[in-house]
């Protein structure tokens, strides 16, 4: 799958949430890849594994743990660094996800309006 195809797939699956999370992670640049000239979509693979796990989160702290775990998975613990460097981006992602249509408890509520039990 090309980078463009992966981006399109992520946008289709997660809508604006993908766009926001991708931007937050890119701007945070937690391991400095963008700063040294990596492509702007460098973190899309990590974002693609973070987004589905947001359903596990009940707080920004959980989001921080998820992001750190994914960066450790993709880059190793030494490169990923300590969980603390993901705190700010986690707060941004938590807030945006919490407010998004896909956020916690929104899907269940949305189903009620689409033929579910009222």
PDB file of N, CA and C in Angstrom:
ATOM      1  N   UNK A   1       0.852  -1.173   0.000  1.00  0.00           N
ATOM      2  CA  UNK A   1       0.000   0.000   0.000  1.00  0.00           C
ATOM      3  C   UNK A   1       0.902   1.242   0.000  1.00  0.00           C
ATOM      4  N   UNK A   2       0.608   2.166  -0.865  1.00  0.00           N
ATOM      5  CA  UNK A   2       1.391   3.393  -0.927  1.00  0.00           C
ATOM      6  C   UNK A   2       1.010   4.319   0.216  1.00  0.00           C
ATOM      7  N   UNK A   3       1.825   5.325   0.438  1.00  0.00           N
ATOM      8  CA  UNK A   3       1.515   6.305   1.491  1.00  0.00           C
ATOM      9  C   UNK A   3       0.170   6.975   1.221  1.00  0.00           C
ATOM     10  N   UNK A   4      -0.074   7.334  -0.040  1.00  0.00           N
ATOM     11  CA  UNK A   4      -1.332   8.005  -0.392  1.00  0.00           C
ATOM     12  C   UNK A   4      -2.526   7.085  -0.141  1.00  0.00           C
ATOM     13  N   UNK A   5      -2.393   5.807  -0.501  1.00  0.00           N
ATOM     14  CA  UNK A   5      -3.481   4.855  -0.260  1.00  0.00           C
ATOM     15  C   UNK A   5      -3.721   4.662   1.233  1.00  0.00           C
ATOM     16  N   UNK A   6      -2.634   4.582   2.008  1.00  0.00           N
ATOM     17  CA  UNK A   6      -2.775   4.414   3.456  1.00  0.00           C
ATOM     18  C   UNK A   6      -3.484   5.618   4.054  1.00  0.00           C
ATOM     19  N   UNK A   7      -3.106   6.823   3.611  1.00  0.00           N
ATOM     20  CA  UNK A   7      -3.729   8.035   4.138  1.00  0.00           C
ATOM     21  C   UNK A   7      -5.214   8.064   3.791  1.00  0.00           C
ATOM     22  N   UNK A   8      -5.548   7.717   2.560  1.00  0.00           N
ATOM     23  CA  UNK A   8      -6.951   7.696   2.144  1.00  0.00           C
ATOM     24  C   UNK A   8      -7.737   6.687   2.969  1.00  0.00           C
ATOM     25  N   UNK A   9      -7.162   5.514   3.192  1.00  0.00           N
ATOM     26  CA  UNK A   9      -7.809   4.481   3.987  1.00  0.00           C
ATOM     27  C   UNK A   9      -8.061   4.956   5.419  1.00  0.00           C
ATOM     28  N   UNK A  10      -7.063   5.603   6.017  1.00  0.00           N
ATOM     29  CA  UNK A  10      -7.213   6.124   7.375  1.00  0.00           C
ATOM     30  C   UNK A  10      -8.277   7.215   7.426  1.00  0.00           C
ATOM     31  N   UNK A  11      -8.298   8.096   6.433  1.00  0.00           N
ATOM     32  CA  UNK A  11      -9.295   9.158   6.404  1.00  0.00           C
ATOM     33  C   UNK A  11     -10.697   8.576   6.273  1.00  0.00           C
ATOM     34  N   UNK A  12     -10.844   7.526   5.451  1.00  0.00           N
ATOM     35  CA  UNK A  12     -12.153   6.899   5.287  1.00  0.00           C
ATOM     36  C   UNK A  12     -12.605   6.203   6.574  1.00  0.00           C
ATOM     37  N   UNK A  13     -11.679   5.557   7.246  1.00  0.00           N
ATOM     38  CA  UNK A  13     -12.023   4.810   8.452  1.00  0.00           C
ATOM     39  C   UNK A  13     -12.280   5.704   9.659  1.00  0.00           C
ATOM     40  N   UNK A  14     -11.547   6.807   9.770  1.00  0.00           N
ATOM     41  CA  UNK A  14     -11.606   7.612  10.989  1.00  0.00           C
ATOM     42  C   UNK A  14     -12.008   9.066  10.769  1.00  0.00           C
ATOM     43  N   UNK A  15     -12.207   9.463   9.539  1.00  0.00           N
ATOM     44  CA  UNK A  15     -12.662  10.812   9.239  1.00  0.00           C
ATOM     45  C   UNK A  15     -11.739  11.894   9.777  1.00  0.00           C
ATOM     46  N   UNK A  16     -12.364  12.952  10.283  1.00  0.00           N
ATOM     47  CA  UNK A  16     -11.598  14.096  10.786  1.00  0.00           C
ATOM     48  C   UNK A  16     -10.716  13.744  11.969  1.00  0.00           C
ATOM     49  N   UNK A  17     -11.091  12.726  12.725  1.00  0.00           N
ATOM     50  CA  UNK A  17     -10.277  12.318  13.868  1.00  0.00           C
ATOM     51  C   UNK A  17      -8.870  11.945  13.406  1.00  0.00           C
ATOM     52  N   UNK A  18      -8.782  11.211  12.287  1.00  0.00           N
ATOM     53  CA  UNK A  18      -7.466  10.870  11.735  1.00  0.00           C
ATOM     54  C   UNK A  18      -6.675  12.149  11.429  1.00  0.00           C
ATOM     55  N   UNK A  19      -7.318  13.095  10.775  1.00  0.00           N
ATOM     56  CA  UNK A  19      -6.646  14.336  10.385  1.00  0.00           C
ATOM     57  C   UNK A  19      -6.097  15.054  11.610  1.00  0.00           C
ATOM     58  N   UNK A  20      -6.899  15.154  12.657  1.00  0.00           N
ATOM     59  CA  UNK A  20      -6.464  15.848  13.866  1.00  0.00           C
ATOM     60  C   UNK A  20      -5.343  15.096  14.584  1.00  0.00           C
ATOM     61  N   UNK A  21      -5.525  13.803  14.774  1.00  0.00           N
ATOM     62  CA  UNK A  21      -4.516  13.022  15.499  1.00  0.00           C
ATOM     63  C   UNK A  21      -3.199  13.023  14.732  1.00  0.00           C
ATOM     64  N   UNK A  22      -3.275  12.876  13.428  1.00  0.00           N
ATOM     65  CA  UNK A  22      -2.065  12.908  12.606  1.00  0.00           C
ATOM     66  C   UNK A  22      -1.340  14.241  12.772  1.00  0.00           C
ATOM     67  N   UNK A  23      -2.096  15.325  12.739  1.00  0.00           N
ATOM     68  CA  UNK A  23      -1.495  16.658  12.901  1.00  0.00           C
ATOM     69  C   UNK A  23      -0.886  16.819  14.295  1.00  0.00           C
ATOM     70  N   UNK A  24      -1.604  16.387  15.323  1.00  0.00           N
ATOM     71  CA  UNK A  24      -1.086  16.511  16.691  1.00  0.00           C
ATOM     72  C   UNK A  24       0.232  15.756  16.862  1.00  0.00           C
ATOM     73  N   UNK A  25       0.272  14.533  16.356  1.00  0.00           N
ATOM     74  CA  UNK A  25       1.488  13.730  16.507  1.00  0.00           C
ATOM     75  C   UNK A  25       2.628  14.338  15.682  1.00  0.00           C
ATOM     76  N   UNK A  26       2.310  14.774  14.477  1.00  0.00           N
ATOM     77  CA  UNK A  26       3.331  15.405  13.622  1.00  0.00           C
ATOM     78  C   UNK A  26       3.889  16.663  14.292  1.00  0.00           C
ATOM     79  N   UNK A  27       3.021  17.493  14.826  1.00  0.00           N
ATOM     80  CA  UNK A  27       3.478  18.725  15.477  1.00  0.00           C
ATOM     81  C   UNK A  27       4.258  18.430  16.756  1.00  0.00           C
ATOM     82  N   UNK A  28       3.849  17.404  17.481  1.00  0.00           N
ATOM     83  CA  UNK A  28       4.579  17.024  18.702  1.00  0.00           C
ATOM     84  C   UNK A  28       5.938  16.443  18.333  1.00  0.00           C
ATOM     85  N   UNK A  29       5.992  15.735  17.207  1.00  0.00           N
ATOM     86  CA  UNK A  29       7.231  15.134  16.712  1.00  0.00           C
ATOM     87  C   UNK A  29       8.032  14.504  17.859  1.00  0.00           C
ATOM     88  N   UNK A  30       7.424  13.534  18.567  1.00  0.00           N
ATOM     89  CA  UNK A  30       8.014  13.048  19.813  1.00  0.00           C
ATOM     90  C   UNK A  30       9.412  12.435  19.702  1.00  0.00           C
ATOM     91  N   UNK A  31       9.757  11.948  18.524  1.00  0.00           N
ATOM     92  CA  UNK A  31      11.111  11.390  18.409  1.00  0.00           C
ATOM     93  C   UNK A  31      11.961  12.164  17.402  1.00  0.00           C
ATOM     94  N   UNK A  32      11.465  13.314  16.977  1.00  0.00           N
ATOM     95  CA  UNK A  32      12.275  14.233  16.189  1.00  0.00           C
ATOM     96  C   UNK A  32      12.464  13.904  14.714  1.00  0.00           C
ATOM     97  N   UNK A  33      11.616  13.076  14.148  1.00  0.00           N
ATOM     98  CA  UNK A  33      11.787  12.708  12.742  1.00  0.00           C
ATOM     99  C   UNK A  33      11.416  13.826  11.776  1.00  0.00           C
ATOM    100  N   UNK A  34      10.366  14.553  12.080  1.00  0.00           N
ATOM    101  CA  UNK A  34       9.951  15.658  11.214  1.00  0.00           C
ATOM    102  C   UNK A  34      11.030  16.737  11.228  1.00  0.00           C
ATOM    103  N   UNK A  35      11.595  16.965  12.391  1.00  0.00           N
ATOM    104  CA  UNK A  35      12.638  17.994  12.539  1.00  0.00           C
ATOM    105  C   UNK A  35      13.863  17.710  11.676  1.00  0.00           C
ATOM    106  N   UNK A  36      14.118  16.426  11.388  1.00  0.00           N
ATOM    107  CA  UNK A  36      15.295  16.108  10.567  1.00  0.00           C
ATOM    108  C   UNK A  36      14.934  15.858   9.107  1.00  0.00           C
ATOM    109  N   UNK A  37      13.699  16.234   8.716  1.00  0.00           N
ATOM    110  CA  UNK A  37      13.335  16.194   7.310  1.00  0.00           C
ATOM    111  C   UNK A  37      12.494  15.013   6.847  1.00  0.00           C
ATOM    112  N   UNK A  38      11.967  14.228   7.762  1.00  0.00           N
ATOM    113  CA  UNK A  38      11.103  13.109   7.368  1.00  0.00           C
ATOM    114  C   UNK A  38       9.824  13.661   6.729  1.00  0.00           C
ATOM    115  N   UNK A  39       9.167  12.859   5.905  1.00  0.00           N
ATOM    116  CA  UNK A  39       7.915  13.311   5.280  1.00  0.00           C
ATOM    117  C   UNK A  39       6.863  13.644   6.337  1.00  0.00           C
ATOM    118  N   UNK A  40       5.951  14.522   5.973  1.00  0.00           N
ATOM    119  CA  UNK A  40       4.925  14.978   6.911  1.00  0.00           C
ATOM    120  C   UNK A  40       4.008  13.838   7.371  1.00  0.00           C
ATOM    121  N   UNK A  41       3.927  12.768   6.605  1.00  0.00           N
ATOM    122  CA  UNK A  41       3.080  11.638   7.004  1.00  0.00           C
ATOM    123  C   UNK A  41       3.891  10.533   7.681  1.00  0.00           C
ATOM    124  N   UNK A  42       5.060  10.861   8.159  1.00  0.00           N
ATOM    125  CA  UNK A  42       5.976   9.893   8.758  1.00  0.00           C
ATOM    126  C   UNK A  42       5.336   9.079   9.879  1.00  0.00           C
ATOM    127  N   UNK A  43       4.476   9.700  10.661  1.00  0.00           N
ATOM    128  CA  UNK A  43       3.895   9.018  11.817  1.00  0.00           C
ATOM    129  C   UNK A  43       2.543   8.361  11.520  1.00  0.00           C
ATOM    130  N   UNK A  44       2.144   8.290  10.257  1.00  0.00           N
ATOM    131  CA  UNK A  44       0.836   7.720   9.929  1.00  0.00           C
ATOM    132  C   UNK A  44       0.695   6.255  10.331  1.00  0.00           C
ATOM    133  N   UNK A  45       1.769   5.495  10.260  1.00  0.00           N
ATOM    134  CA  UNK A  45       1.689   4.088  10.678  1.00  0.00           C
ATOM    135  C   UNK A  45       1.357   4.025  12.162  1.00  0.00           C
ATOM    136  N   UNK A  46       2.013   4.844  12.952  1.00  0.00           N
ATOM    137  CA  UNK A  46       1.742   4.864  14.389  1.00  0.00           C
ATOM    138  C   UNK A  46       0.317   5.358  14.659  1.00  0.00           C
ATOM    139  N   UNK A  47      -0.097   6.384  13.939  1.00  0.00           N
ATOM    140  CA  UNK A  47      -1.453   6.909  14.100  1.00  0.00           C
ATOM    141  C   UNK A  47      -2.469   5.819  13.764  1.00  0.00           C
ATOM    142  N   UNK A  48      -2.179   5.010  12.737  1.00  0.00           N
ATOM    143  CA  UNK A  48      -3.112   3.949  12.343  1.00  0.00           C
ATOM    144  C   UNK A  48      -3.265   2.877  13.419  1.00  0.00           C
ATOM    145  N   UNK A  49      -2.284   2.740  14.307  1.00  0.00           N
ATOM    146  CA  UNK A  49      -2.418   1.770  15.393  1.00  0.00           C
ATOM    147  C   UNK A  49      -2.901   2.429  16.689  1.00  0.00           C
ATOM    148  N   UNK A  50      -2.762   3.722  16.789  1.00  0.00           N
ATOM    149  CA  UNK A  50      -3.258   4.466  17.948  1.00  0.00           C
ATOM    150  C   UNK A  50      -4.777   4.631  17.869  1.00  0.00           C
ATOM    151  N   UNK A  51      -5.283   5.032  16.717  1.00  0.00           N
ATOM    152  CA  UNK A  51      -6.706   5.346  16.581  1.00  0.00           C
ATOM    153  C   UNK A  51      -7.643   4.223  17.038  1.00  0.00           C
ATOM    154  N   UNK A  52      -7.453   2.979  16.606  1.00  0.00           N
ATOM    155  CA  UNK A  52      -8.380   1.936  17.061  1.00  0.00           C
ATOM    156  C   UNK A  52      -8.307   1.679  18.566  1.00  0.00           C
ATOM    157  N   UNK A  53      -7.182   1.986  19.173  1.00  0.00           N
ATOM    158  CA  UNK A  53      -7.007   1.736  20.607  1.00  0.00           C
ATOM    159  C   UNK A  53      -7.618   2.835  21.473  1.00  0.00           C
ATOM    160  N   UNK A  54      -8.029   3.939  20.882  1.00  0.00           N
ATOM    161  CA  UNK A  54      -8.616   5.016  21.687  1.00  0.00           C
ATOM    162  C   UNK A  54      -9.852   4.534  22.447  1.00  0.00           C
ATOM    163  N   UNK A  55     -10.523   3.514  21.938  1.00  0.00           N
ATOM    164  CA  UNK A  55     -11.703   2.980  22.633  1.00  0.00           C
ATOM    165  C   UNK A  55     -11.347   2.425  24.007  1.00  0.00           C
ATOM    166  N   UNK A  56     -10.071   2.071  24.203  1.00  0.00           N
ATOM    167  CA  UNK A  56      -9.605   1.574  25.508  1.00  0.00           C
ATOM    168  C   UNK A  56      -9.476   2.699  26.531  1.00  0.00           C
ATOM    169  N   UNK A  57      -9.355   3.918  26.048  1.00  0.00           N
ATOM    170  CA  UNK A  57      -9.010   5.048  26.910  1.00  0.00           C
ATOM    171  C   UNK A  57     -10.207   5.586  27.683  1.00  0.00           C
ATOM    172  N   UNK A  58      -9.957   5.893  28.954  1.00  0.00           N
ATOM    173  CA  UNK A  58     -10.959   6.560  29.776  1.00  0.00           C
ATOM    174  C   UNK A  58     -10.441   7.900  30.287  1.00  0.00           C
ATOM    175  N   UNK A  59      -9.226   8.257  29.861  1.00  0.00           N
ATOM    176  CA  UNK A  59      -8.621   9.520  30.288  1.00  0.00           C
ATOM    177  C   UNK A  59      -7.447   9.857  29.371  1.00  0.00           C
ATOM    178  N   UNK A  60      -6.954  11.075  29.502  1.00  0.00           N
ATOM    179  CA  UNK A  60      -5.765  11.477  28.750  1.00  0.00           C
ATOM    180  C   UNK A  60      -4.562  10.636  29.153  1.00  0.00           C
ATOM    181  N   UNK A  61      -4.541  10.219  30.395  1.00  0.00           N
ATOM    182  CA  UNK A  61      -3.443   9.353  30.887  1.00  0.00           C
ATOM    183  C   UNK A  61      -3.427   8.018  30.148  1.00  0.00           C
ATOM    184  N   UNK A  62      -4.622   7.480  29.893  1.00  0.00           N
ATOM    185  CA  UNK A  62      -4.722   6.247  29.111  1.00  0.00           C
ATOM    186  C   UNK A  62      -4.227   6.475  27.681  1.00  0.00           C
ATOM    187  N   UNK A  63      -4.596   7.608  27.100  1.00  0.00           N
ATOM    188  CA  UNK A  63      -4.130   7.938  25.751  1.00  0.00           C
ATOM    189  C   UNK A  63      -2.602   8.023  25.744  1.00  0.00           C
ATOM    190  N   UNK A  64      -2.040   8.628  26.756  1.00  0.00           N
ATOM    191  CA  UNK A  64      -0.582   8.734  26.867  1.00  0.00           C
ATOM    192  C   UNK A  64       0.048   7.338  26.892  1.00  0.00           C
ATOM    193  N   UNK A  65      -0.526   6.443  27.668  1.00  0.00           N
ATOM    194  CA  UNK A  65      -0.015   5.071  27.741  1.00  0.00           C
ATOM    195  C   UNK A  65      -0.098   4.393  26.377  1.00  0.00           C
ATOM    196  N   UNK A  66      -1.224   4.552  25.702  1.00  0.00           N
ATOM    197  CA  UNK A  66      -1.425   3.937  24.385  1.00  0.00           C
ATOM    198  C   UNK A  66      -0.401   4.465  23.385  1.00  0.00           C
ATOM    199  N   UNK A  67      -0.240   5.772  23.329  1.00  0.00           N
ATOM    200  CA  UNK A  67       0.706   6.361  22.378  1.00  0.00           C
ATOM    201  C   UNK A  67       2.119   5.876  22.678  1.00  0.00           C
ATOM    202  N   UNK A  68       2.494   5.898  23.935  1.00  0.00           N
ATOM    203  CA  UNK A  68       3.838   5.441  24.302  1.00  0.00           C
ATOM    204  C   UNK A  68       4.021   3.976  23.913  1.00  0.00           C
ATOM    205  N   UNK A  69       3.046   3.134  24.218  1.00  0.00           N
ATOM    206  CA  UNK A  69       3.153   1.719  23.858  1.00  0.00           C
ATOM    207  C   UNK A  69       3.322   1.533  22.355  1.00  0.00           C
ATOM    208  N   UNK A  70       2.590   2.294  21.571  1.00  0.00           N
ATOM    209  CA  UNK A  70       2.704   2.165  20.116  1.00  0.00           C
ATOM    210  C   UNK A  70       4.065   2.652  19.616  1.00  0.00           C
ATOM    211  N   UNK A  71       4.564   3.731  20.177  1.00  0.00           N
ATOM    212  CA  UNK A  71       5.886   4.207  19.761  1.00  0.00           C
ATOM    213  C   UNK A  71       6.976   3.223  20.181  1.00  0.00           C
ATOM    214  N   UNK A  72       6.821   2.621  21.349  1.00  0.00           N
ATOM    215  CA  UNK A  72       7.776   1.582  21.768  1.00  0.00           C
ATOM    216  C   UNK A  72       7.697   0.397  20.809  1.00  0.00           C
ATOM    217  N   UNK A  73       6.489   0.013  20.443  1.00  0.00           N
ATOM    218  CA  UNK A  73       6.305  -1.102  19.502  1.00  0.00           C
ATOM    219  C   UNK A  73       7.009  -0.822  18.174  1.00  0.00           C
ATOM    220  N   UNK A  74       6.819   0.374  17.636  1.00  0.00           N
ATOM    221  CA  UNK A  74       7.340   0.697  16.308  1.00  0.00           C
ATOM    222  C   UNK A  74       8.817   1.090  16.303  1.00  0.00           C
ATOM    223  N   UNK A  75       9.293   1.711  17.385  1.00  0.00           N
ATOM    224  CA  UNK A  75      10.655   2.253  17.362  1.00  0.00           C
ATOM    225  C   UNK A  75      11.582   1.665  18.421  1.00  0.00           C
ATOM    226  N   UNK A  76      11.036   0.939  19.385  1.00  0.00           N
ATOM    227  CA  UNK A  76      11.831   0.438  20.495  1.00  0.00           C
ATOM    228  C   UNK A  76      11.824   1.433  21.644  1.00  0.00           C
ATOM    229  N   UNK A  77      12.054   0.936  22.844  1.00  0.00           N
ATOM    230  CA  UNK A  77      11.952   1.758  24.055  1.00  0.00           C
ATOM    231  C   UNK A  77      12.966   2.891  24.079  1.00  0.00           C
ATOM    232  N   UNK A  78      14.173   2.631  23.638  1.00  0.00           N
ATOM    233  CA  UNK A  78      15.207   3.665  23.696  1.00  0.00           C
ATOM    234  C   UNK A  78      14.874   4.862  22.813  1.00  0.00           C
ATOM    235  N   UNK A  79      14.416   4.604  21.611  1.00  0.00           N
ATOM    236  CA  UNK A  79      14.067   5.701  20.695  1.00  0.00           C
ATOM    237  C   UNK A  79      12.764   6.360  21.118  1.00  0.00           C
ATOM    238  N   UNK A  80      11.792   5.562  21.540  1.00  0.00           N
ATOM    239  CA  UNK A  80      10.492   6.124  21.945  1.00  0.00           C
ATOM    240  C   UNK A  80      10.617   7.060  23.137  1.00  0.00           C
ATOM    241  N   UNK A  81      11.554   6.771  24.014  1.00  0.00           N
ATOM    242  CA  UNK A  81      11.751   7.623  25.182  1.00  0.00           C
ATOM    243  C   UNK A  81      10.718   7.366  26.257  1.00  0.00           C
ATOM    244  N   UNK A  82      10.729   8.203  27.293  1.00  0.00           N
ATOM    245  CA  UNK A  82       9.826   8.009  28.432  1.00  0.00           C
ATOM    246  C   UNK A  82       8.385   8.431  28.110  1.00  0.00           C
ATOM    247  N   UNK A  83       7.429   7.869  28.808  1.00  0.00           N
ATOM    248  CA  UNK A  83       6.020   8.211  28.576  1.00  0.00           C
ATOM    249  C   UNK A  83       5.724   9.708  28.734  1.00  0.00           C
ATOM    250  N   UNK A  84       6.474  10.381  29.579  1.00  0.00           N
ATOM    251  CA  UNK A  84       6.205  11.792  29.871  1.00  0.00           C
ATOM    252  C   UNK A  84       6.253  12.683  28.626  1.00  0.00           C
ATOM    253  N   UNK A  85       7.055  12.308  27.628  1.00  0.00           N
ATOM    254  CA  UNK A  85       7.156  13.181  26.448  1.00  0.00           C
ATOM    255  C   UNK A  85       5.891  13.141  25.590  1.00  0.00           C
ATOM    256  N   UNK A  86       4.975  12.244  25.917  1.00  0.00           N
ATOM    257  CA  UNK A  86       3.724  12.117  25.166  1.00  0.00           C
ATOM    258  C   UNK A  86       2.543  12.778  25.884  1.00  0.00           C
ATOM    259  N   UNK A  87       2.798  13.438  26.991  1.00  0.00           N
ATOM    260  CA  UNK A  87       1.713  14.005  27.809  1.00  0.00           C
ATOM    261  C   UNK A  87       0.913  15.077  27.077  1.00  0.00           C
ATOM    262  N   UNK A  88       1.574  16.036  26.463  1.00  0.00           N
ATOM    263  CA  UNK A  88       0.868  17.141  25.819  1.00  0.00           C
ATOM    264  C   UNK A  88       0.047  16.658  24.630  1.00  0.00           C
ATOM    265  N   UNK A  89       0.650  15.844  23.772  1.00  0.00           N
ATOM    266  CA  UNK A  89      -0.083  15.345  22.608  1.00  0.00           C
ATOM    267  C   UNK A  89      -1.239  14.462  23.050  1.00  0.00           C
ATOM    268  N   UNK A  90      -1.080  13.757  24.146  1.00  0.00           N
ATOM    269  CA  UNK A  90      -2.151  12.907  24.669  1.00  0.00           C
ATOM    270  C   UNK A  90      -3.342  13.735  25.103  1.00  0.00           C
ATOM    271  N   UNK A  91      -3.078  14.858  25.758  1.00  0.00           N
ATOM    272  CA  UNK A  91      -4.162  15.760  26.179  1.00  0.00           C
ATOM    273  C   UNK A  91      -4.932  16.265  24.961  1.00  0.00           C
ATOM    274  N   UNK A  92      -4.214  16.652  23.914  1.00  0.00           N
ATOM    275  CA  UNK A  92      -4.864  17.151  22.700  1.00  0.00           C
ATOM    276  C   UNK A  92      -5.709  16.066  22.045  1.00  0.00           C
ATOM    277  N   UNK A  93      -5.150  14.874  21.946  1.00  0.00           N
ATOM    278  CA  UNK A  93      -5.872  13.766  21.327  1.00  0.00           C
ATOM    279  C   UNK A  93      -7.089  13.395  22.154  1.00  0.00           C
ATOM    280  N   UNK A  94      -6.936  13.306  23.485  1.00  0.00           N
ATOM    281  CA  UNK A  94      -8.063  12.962  24.352  1.00  0.00           C
ATOM    282  C   UNK A  94      -9.201  13.958  24.171  1.00  0.00           C
ATOM    283  N   UNK A  95      -8.890  15.217  24.215  1.00  0.00           N
ATOM    284  CA  UNK A  95      -9.919  16.247  24.089  1.00  0.00           C
ATOM    285  C   UNK A  95     -10.629  16.140  22.740  1.00  0.00           C
ATOM    286  N   UNK A  96      -9.871  16.005  21.678  1.00  0.00           N
ATOM    287  CA  UNK A  96     -10.458  15.930  20.343  1.00  0.00           C
ATOM    288  C   UNK A  96     -11.280  14.661  20.178  1.00  0.00           C
ATOM    289  N   UNK A  97     -10.747  13.532  20.642  1.00  0.00           N
ATOM    290  CA  UNK A  97     -11.484  12.274  20.526  1.00  0.00           C
ATOM    291  C   UNK A  97     -12.752  12.318  21.370  1.00  0.00           C
ATOM    292  N   UNK A  98     -12.646  12.853  22.549  1.00  0.00           N
ATOM    293  CA  UNK A  98     -13.793  12.939  23.453  1.00  0.00           C
ATOM    294  C   UNK A  98     -14.914  13.774  22.836  1.00  0.00           C
ATOM    295  N   UNK A  99     -14.545  14.787  22.070  1.00  0.00           N
ATOM    296  CA  UNK A  99     -15.534  15.667  21.444  1.00  0.00           C
ATOM    297  C   UNK A  99     -15.993  15.159  20.080  1.00  0.00           C
ATOM    298  N   UNK A 100     -15.310  14.173  19.522  1.00  0.00           N
ATOM    299  CA  UNK A 100     -15.630  13.704  18.169  1.00  0.00           C
ATOM    300  C   UNK A 100     -16.854  12.796  18.175  1.00  0.00           C
ATOM    301  N   UNK A 101     -17.398  12.591  16.996  1.00  0.00           N
ATOM    302  CA  UNK A 101     -18.550  11.700  16.831  1.00  0.00           C
ATOM    303  C   UNK A 101     -18.204  10.264  17.181  1.00  0.00           C
ATOM    304  N   UNK A 102     -16.925   9.909  17.086  1.00  0.00           N
ATOM    305  CA  UNK A 102     -16.495   8.538  17.391  1.00  0.00           C
ATOM    306  C   UNK A 102     -16.099   8.376  18.847  1.00  0.00           C
ATOM    307  N   UNK A 103     -16.143   9.449  19.598  1.00  0.00           N
ATOM    308  CA  UNK A 103     -15.688   9.435  20.980  1.00  0.00           C
ATOM    309  C   UNK A 103     -16.456   8.488  21.881  1.00  0.00           C
ATOM    310  N   UNK A 104     -16.045   8.428  23.139  1.00  0.00           N
ATOM    311  CA  UNK A 104     -16.644   7.479  24.076  1.00  0.00           C
ATOM    312  C   UNK A 104     -18.152   7.685  24.208  1.00  0.00           C
ATOM    313  N   UNK A 105     -18.862   6.588  24.163  1.00  0.00           N
ATOM    314  CA  UNK A 105     -20.315   6.555  24.336  1.00  0.00           C
ATOM    315  C   UNK A 105     -21.110   7.208  23.214  1.00  0.00           C
ATOM    316  N   UNK A 106     -20.445   7.732  22.216  1.00  0.00           N
ATOM    317  CA  UNK A 106     -21.173   8.392  21.132  1.00  0.00           C
ATOM    318  C   UNK A 106     -21.757   7.376  20.159  1.00  0.00           C
ATOM    319  N   UNK A 107     -21.023   6.307  19.864  1.00  0.00           N
ATOM    320  CA  UNK A 107     -21.524   5.308  18.922  1.00  0.00           C
ATOM    321  C   UNK A 107     -22.785   4.649  19.450  1.00  0.00           C
ATOM    322  N   UNK A 108     -22.797   4.283  20.721  1.00  0.00           N
ATOM    323  CA  UNK A 108     -23.971   3.646  21.305  1.00  0.00           C
ATOM    324  C   UNK A 108     -25.170   4.587  21.245  1.00  0.00           C
ATOM    325  N   UNK A 109     -24.953   5.854  21.570  1.00  0.00           N
ATOM    326  CA  UNK A 109     -26.040   6.829  21.519  1.00  0.00           C
ATOM    327  C   UNK A 109     -26.512   7.026  20.088  1.00  0.00           C
ATOM    328  N   UNK A 110     -25.564   7.054  19.156  1.00  0.00           N
ATOM    329  CA  UNK A 110     -25.910   7.223  17.745  1.00  0.00           C
ATOM    330  C   UNK A 110     -26.734   6.056  17.223  1.00  0.00           C
ATOM    331  N   UNK A 111     -26.469   4.856  17.704  1.00  0.00           N
ATOM    332  CA  UNK A 111     -27.206   3.690  17.249  1.00  0.00           C
ATOM    333  C   UNK A 111     -28.666   3.776  17.635  1.00  0.00           C
ATOM    334  N   UNK A 112     -28.984   4.390  18.768  1.00  0.00           N
ATOM    335  CA  UNK A 112     -30.367   4.527  19.197  1.00  0.00           C
ATOM    336  C   UNK A 112     -31.189   5.329  18.191  1.00  0.00           C
ATOM    337  N   UNK A 113     -30.542   6.247  17.521  1.00  0.00           N
ATOM    338  CA  UNK A 113     -31.242   7.091  16.560  1.00  0.00           C
ATOM    339  C   UNK A 113     -31.285   6.461  15.173  1.00  0.00           C
ATOM    340  N   UNK A 114     -30.694   5.291  15.043  1.00  0.00           N
ATOM    341  CA  UNK A 114     -30.654   4.647  13.737  1.00  0.00           C
ATOM    342  C   UNK A 114     -31.360   3.294  13.803  1.00  0.00           C
ATOM    343  N   UNK A 115     -32.469   3.245  14.454  1.00  0.00           N
ATOM    344  CA  UNK A 115     -33.246   2.024  14.465  1.00  0.00           C
ATOM    345  C   UNK A 115     -33.080   1.178  15.708  1.00  0.00           C
ATOM    346  N   UNK A 116     -32.308   1.650  16.661  1.00  0.00           N
ATOM    347  CA  UNK A 116     -32.117   0.902  17.906  1.00  0.00           C
ATOM    348  C   UNK A 116     -33.301   1.090  18.827  1.00  0.00           C
ATOM    349  N   UNK A 117     -33.222   0.532  19.998  1.00  0.00           N
ATOM    350  CA  UNK A 117     -34.283   0.678  20.995  1.00  0.00           C
ATOM    351  C   UNK A 117     -34.328   2.106  21.469  1.00  0.00           C
ATOM    352  N   UNK A 118     -35.510   2.668  21.527  1.00  0.00           N
ATOM    353  CA  UNK A 118     -35.640   4.076  21.945  1.00  0.00           C
ATOM    354  C   UNK A 118     -36.285   4.154  23.289  1.00  0.00           C
TER     355      UNK A 118
END
